[in-house]
N, C-alpha and C. Protein backbone atom coordinates (compact mmCIF):
# COMPACT_ATOMS: atom_id res chain seq x y z
N MET A 1 24.80 -13.41 -15.78
CA MET A 1 23.72 -13.84 -14.00
C MET A 1 23.71 -15.63 -14.12
N LYS A 2 24.60 -16.21 -13.38
CA LYS A 2 23.48 -17.14 -12.46
C LYS A 2 22.19 -17.65 -11.95
N ARG A 3 21.67 -18.97 -11.89
CA ARG A 3 20.50 -19.30 -11.19
C ARG A 3 20.38 -18.57 -9.83
N ASP A 4 21.56 -19.09 -9.39
CA ASP A 4 21.98 -19.06 -7.49
C ASP A 4 21.57 -17.12 -7.31
N ASP A 5 21.93 -16.56 -8.52
CA ASP A 5 22.00 -14.86 -8.43
C ASP A 5 21.25 -13.73 -8.01
N LEU A 6 19.82 -14.98 -8.81
CA LEU A 6 18.22 -14.37 -8.42
C LEU A 6 17.48 -14.88 -7.35
N GLU A 7 17.36 -14.53 -6.91
CA GLU A 7 15.90 -13.79 -5.32
C GLU A 7 15.22 -14.30 -4.99
N LEU A 8 14.70 -14.45 -4.96
CA LEU A 8 12.66 -14.67 -4.72
C LEU A 8 11.84 -14.57 -4.33
N VAL A 9 11.18 -13.87 -4.08
CA VAL A 9 10.71 -12.54 -3.51
C VAL A 9 8.99 -12.65 -3.64
N ARG A 10 8.72 -13.06 -2.21
CA ARG A 10 6.94 -13.29 -2.34
C ARG A 10 6.37 -11.48 -2.65
N CYS A 11 5.35 -11.44 -2.79
CA CYS A 11 4.04 -10.50 -3.04
C CYS A 11 3.82 -10.30 -3.51
N SER A 12 2.39 -9.51 -3.42
CA SER A 12 0.40 -10.00 -3.50
C SER A 12 0.33 -9.90 -5.05
N GLY A 13 0.99 -10.16 -5.52
CA GLY A 13 0.14 -10.50 -6.60
C GLY A 13 -0.13 -9.57 -7.87
N ASN A 14 -0.27 -8.58 -7.23
CA ASN A 14 -0.66 -7.35 -8.08
C ASN A 14 0.87 -6.07 -8.12
N ALA A 15 1.29 -6.45 -8.82
CA ALA A 15 2.48 -5.53 -9.34
C ALA A 15 2.60 -3.86 -9.13
N TYR A 16 1.16 -3.41 -9.47
CA TYR A 16 0.32 -2.30 -8.76
C TYR A 16 0.74 -1.59 -7.60
N ARG A 17 1.30 -2.36 -6.85
CA ARG A 17 0.72 -2.22 -5.33
C ARG A 17 2.18 -1.65 -4.96
N VAL A 18 3.07 -1.71 -6.56
CA VAL A 18 5.05 -1.86 -5.74
C VAL A 18 4.92 -0.14 -5.70
N PHE A 19 3.17 0.23 -6.49
CA PHE A 19 3.87 2.12 -7.52
C PHE A 19 2.57 2.96 -6.50
N PRO A 20 3.68 3.92 -5.16
CA PRO A 20 2.13 4.70 -4.23
C PRO A 20 1.42 5.55 -4.70
N ARG A 21 0.34 4.46 -6.12
CA ARG A 21 -0.81 5.30 -5.95
C ARG A 21 -2.72 4.89 -5.80
N PRO A 22 -3.31 5.75 -5.80
CA PRO A 22 -4.67 5.49 -5.83
C PRO A 22 -5.45 4.80 -6.47
N ASN A 23 -6.10 3.72 -6.00
CA ASN A 23 -6.10 2.62 -7.05
C ASN A 23 -5.86 1.35 -7.87
N THR A 24 -4.27 0.98 -7.22
CA THR A 24 -3.45 -0.05 -7.75
C THR A 24 -4.85 -0.93 -7.36
N ASP A 25 -6.00 -1.57 -6.94
CA ASP A 25 -6.42 -3.02 -7.77
C ASP A 25 -7.56 -2.43 -9.10
N LEU A 26 -7.72 -1.63 -9.32
CA LEU A 26 -8.13 -0.88 -10.09
C LEU A 26 -7.99 -0.73 -12.02
N GLU A 27 -6.52 -0.85 -11.15
CA GLU A 27 -5.82 -0.27 -12.80
C GLU A 27 -5.18 -2.40 -12.61
N GLN A 28 -4.77 -3.00 -11.94
CA GLN A 28 -4.54 -3.91 -12.17
C GLN A 28 -5.66 -5.48 -12.71
N ALA A 29 -7.28 -4.57 -12.61
CA ALA A 29 -8.36 -4.61 -12.84
C ALA A 29 -7.92 -4.73 -14.80
N ARG A 30 -7.79 -3.24 -15.10
CA ARG A 30 -7.80 -2.85 -16.59
C ARG A 30 -7.36 -3.77 -16.90
N ALA A 31 -5.33 -3.83 -16.60
CA ALA A 31 -4.09 -4.47 -18.01
C ALA A 31 -5.15 -5.86 -17.35
N ILE A 32 -5.84 -6.33 -16.61
CA ILE A 32 -6.62 -7.84 -17.50
C ILE A 32 -7.49 -8.06 -18.35
N MET A 33 -7.76 -6.87 -18.02
CA MET A 33 -9.31 -6.95 -19.18
C MET A 33 -8.36 -6.28 -20.74
N ALA A 34 -7.64 -5.86 -20.60
CA ALA A 34 -6.70 -5.27 -21.44
C ALA A 34 -5.65 -6.36 -22.12
N ALA A 35 -5.24 -6.86 -21.09
CA ALA A 35 -4.55 -8.40 -21.42
C ALA A 35 -5.68 -9.09 -22.33
N THR A 36 -6.74 -9.29 -22.21
CA THR A 36 -7.93 -10.15 -22.10
C THR A 36 -7.66 -9.92 -23.70
N ILE A 37 -8.64 -8.06 -24.29
CA ILE A 37 -8.18 -8.20 -25.05
C ILE A 37 -7.65 -8.67 -26.87
N VAL A 38 -7.02 -7.89 -26.48
CA VAL A 38 -6.11 -8.03 -27.04
C VAL A 38 -4.74 -9.18 -27.67
N ARG A 39 -5.42 -10.32 -26.63
CA ARG A 39 -5.37 -11.83 -26.08
C ARG A 39 -6.64 -12.68 -27.27
N ILE A 40 -7.22 -11.68 -27.80
CA ILE A 40 -8.58 -12.60 -28.09
C ILE A 40 -8.18 -11.58 -29.56
N ILE A 41 -7.85 -10.40 -30.18
CA ILE A 41 -7.37 -10.11 -31.05
C ILE A 41 -6.64 -10.08 -31.88
N ASP A 42 -5.55 -10.92 -31.02
CA ASP A 42 -4.71 -11.49 -31.23
C ASP A 42 -4.36 -13.43 -32.57
N ALA A 43 -4.99 -13.57 -31.21
CA ALA A 43 -5.95 -15.09 -31.55
C ALA A 43 -6.90 -14.74 -33.06
N ARG A 44 -7.59 -13.78 -32.93
CA ARG A 44 -8.13 -14.21 -34.51
C ARG A 44 -7.20 -13.64 -35.69
N LYS A 45 -5.97 -13.22 -34.91
CA LYS A 45 -5.38 -11.94 -36.40
C LYS A 45 -5.86 -10.94 -36.91
N LEU A 46 -6.49 -10.21 -36.11
CA LEU A 46 -7.63 -8.68 -36.34
C LEU A 46 -6.30 -7.72 -36.36
N SER A 47 -6.67 -6.77 -37.55
CA SER A 47 -5.80 -5.39 -36.55
C SER A 47 -6.67 -5.07 -36.42
N THR A 48 -6.37 -3.25 -35.76
CA THR A 48 -7.52 -1.97 -35.36
C THR A 48 -8.19 -2.16 -36.01
N ARG A 49 -8.75 -1.59 -36.75
CA ARG A 49 -9.25 -2.10 -37.76
C ARG A 49 -9.98 -1.97 -38.16
N GLY A 50 -9.90 -4.26 -38.84
CA GLY A 50 -10.30 -4.95 -38.70
C GLY A 50 -10.75 -5.52 -37.07
N ALA A 51 -10.67 -4.75 -35.82
CA ALA A 51 -11.56 -5.36 -34.87
C ALA A 51 -13.00 -3.68 -35.27
N GLU A 52 -11.53 -2.70 -35.29
CA GLU A 52 -13.38 -1.59 -35.54
C GLU A 52 -14.58 -2.42 -36.44
N LYS A 53 -13.57 -3.14 -37.84
CA LYS A 53 -15.27 -3.72 -38.69
C LYS A 53 -16.06 -3.89 -37.75
N LEU A 54 -15.29 -5.21 -37.06
CA LEU A 54 -16.67 -6.41 -35.88
C LEU A 54 -17.46 -5.66 -34.89
N THR A 55 -17.00 -4.47 -34.31
CA THR A 55 -17.15 -4.61 -33.51
C THR A 55 -17.33 -3.12 -33.12
N GLY A 56 -17.47 -2.36 -34.07
CA GLY A 56 -18.31 -0.42 -33.96
C GLY A 56 -17.56 0.34 -32.91
N VAL A 57 -16.57 -0.37 -32.00
CA VAL A 57 -15.45 0.54 -31.59
C VAL A 57 -14.46 1.20 -32.67
N ALA A 58 -14.36 2.61 -32.03
CA ALA A 58 -13.09 3.20 -33.28
C ALA A 58 -11.26 2.05 -32.78
N HIS A 59 -10.89 2.10 -34.06
CA HIS A 59 -9.59 1.78 -33.57
C HIS A 59 -8.83 2.29 -33.59
N SER A 60 -8.70 3.54 -32.66
CA SER A 60 -7.61 3.99 -31.89
C SER A 60 -7.96 3.70 -30.75
N GLU A 61 -8.91 3.34 -30.26
CA GLU A 61 -9.36 2.66 -29.22
C GLU A 61 -8.86 1.73 -29.11
N PHE A 62 -8.07 0.26 -29.67
CA PHE A 62 -7.77 -0.99 -30.11
C PHE A 62 -5.94 -0.47 -29.63
N SER A 63 -6.56 0.42 -30.17
CA SER A 63 -4.63 0.80 -30.38
C SER A 63 -4.06 1.45 -28.85
N ARG A 64 -5.14 1.61 -27.92
CA ARG A 64 -4.82 2.60 -26.79
C ARG A 64 -4.92 1.02 -26.21
N ILE A 65 -5.88 0.39 -26.62
CA ILE A 65 -5.34 -0.44 -25.00
C ILE A 65 -4.56 -1.36 -26.01
N ARG A 66 -3.74 -1.45 -26.79
CA ARG A 66 -2.60 -2.46 -27.31
C ARG A 66 -1.27 -1.97 -25.79
N ASN A 67 -1.98 -0.70 -26.47
CA ASN A 67 -1.01 -0.08 -25.74
C ASN A 67 -0.71 0.52 -24.73
N THR A 68 -1.00 -0.15 -23.50
CA THR A 68 -1.82 -0.01 -21.86
C THR A 68 -2.22 1.38 -21.54
N GLN A 69 -2.24 2.12 -22.73
CA GLN A 69 -3.46 3.30 -22.28
C GLN A 69 -4.33 3.51 -21.71
N LEU A 70 -4.53 2.96 -20.81
CA LEU A 70 -5.64 2.35 -20.15
C LEU A 70 -6.59 3.75 -18.98
N GLY A 71 -6.13 4.68 -18.71
CA GLY A 71 -6.87 6.41 -18.38
C GLY A 71 -8.12 6.09 -18.49
N ARG A 72 -8.95 6.06 -19.46
CA ARG A 72 -9.73 6.36 -20.36
C ARG A 72 -10.98 5.59 -20.40
N PHE A 73 -10.13 4.03 -19.94
CA PHE A 73 -11.06 3.51 -19.77
C PHE A 73 -11.62 2.50 -18.64
N THR A 74 -13.06 2.38 -18.45
CA THR A 74 -14.32 1.58 -17.01
C THR A 74 -14.16 0.28 -17.10
N LEU A 75 -14.50 -0.57 -16.31
CA LEU A 75 -14.25 -1.52 -15.87
C LEU A 75 -15.93 -1.82 -17.37
N ASP A 76 -16.64 -1.12 -16.99
CA ASP A 76 -17.80 -1.21 -17.61
C ASP A 76 -17.45 -1.30 -19.56
N ARG A 77 -16.85 -0.18 -19.35
CA ARG A 77 -16.56 -0.15 -21.16
C ARG A 77 -15.55 -1.37 -21.58
N MET A 78 -14.58 -1.83 -21.03
CA MET A 78 -13.38 -2.77 -21.06
C MET A 78 -14.60 -3.71 -21.37
N ILE A 79 -15.65 -4.88 -20.24
CA ILE A 79 -16.49 -5.72 -20.68
C ILE A 79 -17.13 -5.66 -22.24
N ALA A 80 -17.93 -4.05 -21.72
CA ALA A 80 -18.64 -4.00 -23.79
C ALA A 80 -17.54 -4.54 -24.95
N ILE A 81 -16.27 -4.10 -24.33
CA ILE A 81 -15.85 -4.99 -26.06
C ILE A 81 -15.54 -5.80 -26.01
N LEU A 82 -15.51 -6.40 -24.90
CA LEU A 82 -15.05 -7.74 -24.38
C LEU A 82 -16.40 -8.55 -25.28
N GLY A 83 -17.82 -8.12 -24.85
CA GLY A 83 -19.37 -8.29 -25.78
C GLY A 83 -19.36 -8.71 -26.81
N LYS A 84 -18.19 -6.68 -27.61
CA LYS A 84 -18.37 -6.34 -28.93
C LYS A 84 -17.92 -8.11 -29.68
N LEU A 85 -16.45 -8.13 -28.46
CA LEU A 85 -15.67 -9.81 -28.75
C LEU A 85 -16.84 -10.99 -29.26
N ASP A 86 -17.01 -11.11 -29.59
CA ASP A 86 -18.09 -12.24 -28.76
C ASP A 86 -17.34 -13.16 -28.01
N GLU A 87 -17.59 -12.53 -27.61
CA GLU A 87 -16.86 -13.54 -25.89
C GLU A 87 -18.28 -13.72 -24.72
N ASP A 88 -18.25 -14.90 -24.58
CA ASP A 88 -18.76 -15.31 -22.58
C ASP A 88 -18.17 -14.03 -21.82
N ILE A 89 -18.28 -13.42 -21.07
CA ILE A 89 -18.05 -12.78 -19.42
C ILE A 89 -18.22 -12.81 -18.89
N GLU A 90 -17.80 -13.46 -17.81
CA GLU A 90 -17.90 -14.38 -16.00
C GLU A 90 -16.82 -13.42 -15.30
N VAL A 91 -17.92 -12.77 -14.60
CA VAL A 91 -16.93 -11.95 -13.49
C VAL A 91 -17.61 -11.71 -12.80
N SER A 92 -16.13 -11.84 -11.25
CA SER A 92 -16.36 -12.41 -9.86
C SER A 92 -15.72 -11.75 -8.79
N LEU A 93 -16.02 -11.19 -8.45
CA LEU A 93 -15.80 -10.29 -7.25
C LEU A 93 -16.05 -10.66 -6.28
N SER A 94 -14.91 -10.27 -5.22
CA SER A 94 -15.66 -10.79 -3.76
C SER A 94 -14.66 -9.66 -2.98
N PHE A 95 -15.26 -9.63 -1.45
CA PHE A 95 -15.51 -8.46 -1.14
C PHE A 95 -14.95 -8.80 0.67
N GLY A 96 -13.78 -7.45 1.02
CA GLY A 96 -13.75 -8.01 2.56
C GLY A 96 -12.81 -7.73 3.10
N PRO A 97 -11.85 -7.77 3.93
CA PRO A 97 -11.85 -6.72 5.54
C PRO A 97 -9.69 -7.32 4.55
N ARG A 98 -9.18 -6.86 4.40
CA ARG A 98 -7.59 -7.01 3.32
C ARG A 98 -6.51 -7.35 4.64
N LYS A 99 -6.84 -8.73 3.60
CA LYS A 99 -5.32 -10.15 4.72
C LYS A 99 -3.92 -9.50 5.34
N ARG A 100 -3.59 -9.42 5.95
CA ARG A 100 -2.16 -9.15 6.15
C ARG A 100 -1.44 -8.93 4.90
N ARG A 101 -0.75 -8.16 4.38
CA ARG A 101 -0.37 -6.96 3.07
C ARG A 101 0.99 -7.71 2.77
N LEU A 102 0.83 -8.47 2.23
CA LEU A 102 2.67 -8.36 0.88
C LEU A 102 3.14 -7.37 0.40
N PRO A 103 4.65 -7.64 1.00
CA PRO A 103 5.50 -6.84 0.67
C PRO A 103 5.23 -6.39 -0.83
N ALA A 104 5.75 -4.79 -1.31
CA ALA A 104 5.23 -5.27 -2.72
C ALA A 104 6.33 -6.17 -3.92
N CYS A 105 5.73 -6.09 -4.54
CA CYS A 105 7.49 -6.85 -5.27
C CYS A 105 9.36 -7.14 -5.70
N ILE A 106 9.12 -5.48 -5.37
CA ILE A 106 9.77 -4.89 -6.05
C ILE A 106 10.90 -4.29 -4.26
N PRO A 107 11.67 -4.93 -3.29
CA PRO A 107 12.29 -5.00 -2.23
C PRO A 107 12.13 -3.58 -2.83
N PRO A 108 12.15 -3.27 -1.48
CA PRO A 108 12.46 -1.72 -1.03
C PRO A 108 14.61 -0.75 -1.66
N VAL A 109 14.43 -0.60 -2.14
CA VAL A 109 16.43 0.24 -2.24
C VAL A 109 16.75 1.37 -1.44
N LYS A 110 17.69 1.42 -1.13
CA LYS A 110 18.57 1.51 0.06
C LYS A 110 19.01 2.65 -0.98
N PRO A 111 18.79 4.34 0.24
CA PRO A 111 19.83 5.20 -1.26
C PRO A 111 20.41 5.04 -0.36
N ALA A 112 21.85 5.53 -1.29
CA ALA A 112 23.08 5.24 -1.34
C ALA A 112 23.60 6.30 -0.72
N ARG A 113 24.64 6.18 -0.19
CA ARG A 113 25.56 6.77 1.15
C ARG A 113 25.72 8.43 0.33
N GLY A 114 25.35 8.63 1.03
CA GLY A 114 25.48 10.32 1.55
C GLY A 114 24.21 11.05 0.94
N ILE A 115 23.22 10.27 -0.45
CA ILE A 115 22.08 11.20 -0.40
C ILE A 115 20.97 10.62 0.75
N ARG A 116 20.29 11.72 0.73
CA ARG A 116 19.43 12.00 1.46
C ARG A 116 18.04 12.34 1.18
N ARG A 117 17.65 11.68 2.25
CA ARG A 117 15.57 11.07 1.88
C ARG A 117 14.82 12.06 1.84
N PRO A 118 13.98 12.82 1.10
CA PRO A 118 13.75 13.90 0.61
C PRO A 118 11.92 14.48 2.01
N THR A 119 11.96 13.49 3.24
CA THR A 119 12.35 13.70 5.16
C THR A 119 12.65 14.64 5.15
N GLU A 120 14.67 14.15 4.95
CA GLU A 120 15.59 14.63 5.90
C GLU A 120 15.49 15.89 4.60
N LEU A 121 15.86 16.23 4.11
CA LEU A 121 15.76 17.02 3.27
C LEU A 121 15.41 18.77 3.90
N SER A 122 13.74 18.45 3.60
CA SER A 122 12.89 19.34 4.33
C SER A 122 12.82 19.67 5.72
N ARG A 123 13.33 18.59 6.50
CA ARG A 123 14.50 19.18 7.89
C ARG A 123 15.68 19.87 8.35
N ILE A 124 15.90 19.19 7.11
CA ILE A 124 16.95 20.32 7.18
C ILE A 124 17.16 21.79 7.39
N GLY A 125 16.26 21.58 5.13
CA GLY A 125 16.32 22.98 5.22
C GLY A 125 14.97 23.86 6.32
N LYS A 126 14.07 23.34 7.27
CA LYS A 126 13.43 24.03 7.98
C LYS A 126 13.92 24.55 9.64
N ALA A 127 15.69 23.60 9.38
CA ALA A 127 16.52 23.93 10.70
C ALA A 127 17.17 25.12 9.57
N GLN A 128 17.37 25.30 8.45
CA GLN A 128 18.79 26.65 8.62
C GLN A 128 17.34 28.43 7.60
N ARG A 129 15.93 27.54 8.56
CA ARG A 129 15.37 29.14 7.64
C ARG A 129 15.73 30.11 8.97
N PRO A 130 15.97 32.02 8.86
CA PRO A 130 15.71 32.21 10.05
C PRO A 130 14.75 32.42 11.22
């Protein structure tokens, strides 16, 4: 692949918005917190067992964080883990109406010729019913 083959796509900065899921901003915040926890553990050359001894948090929790299985973690729980790792924590939030929404990072894929979208299929199925 040549450098000229690449296309720069401007996006919102939140890769989770690409997927049609609720709470994409929360998922991004969890991912940022998890990456911070993993970075600290790696910088200190700790295993999950070593992190458990240091913090009192089960090693399986650190394993879940490292493997990005973040569904069971709340932000306050992750902040508490950072605090137990003896880190200074500063959280900044801002609230306001959303500005013009930038497109998702991945441009939409056009369906191949002959493949119908789910909405088209549902319309076809309704038309064929007696």
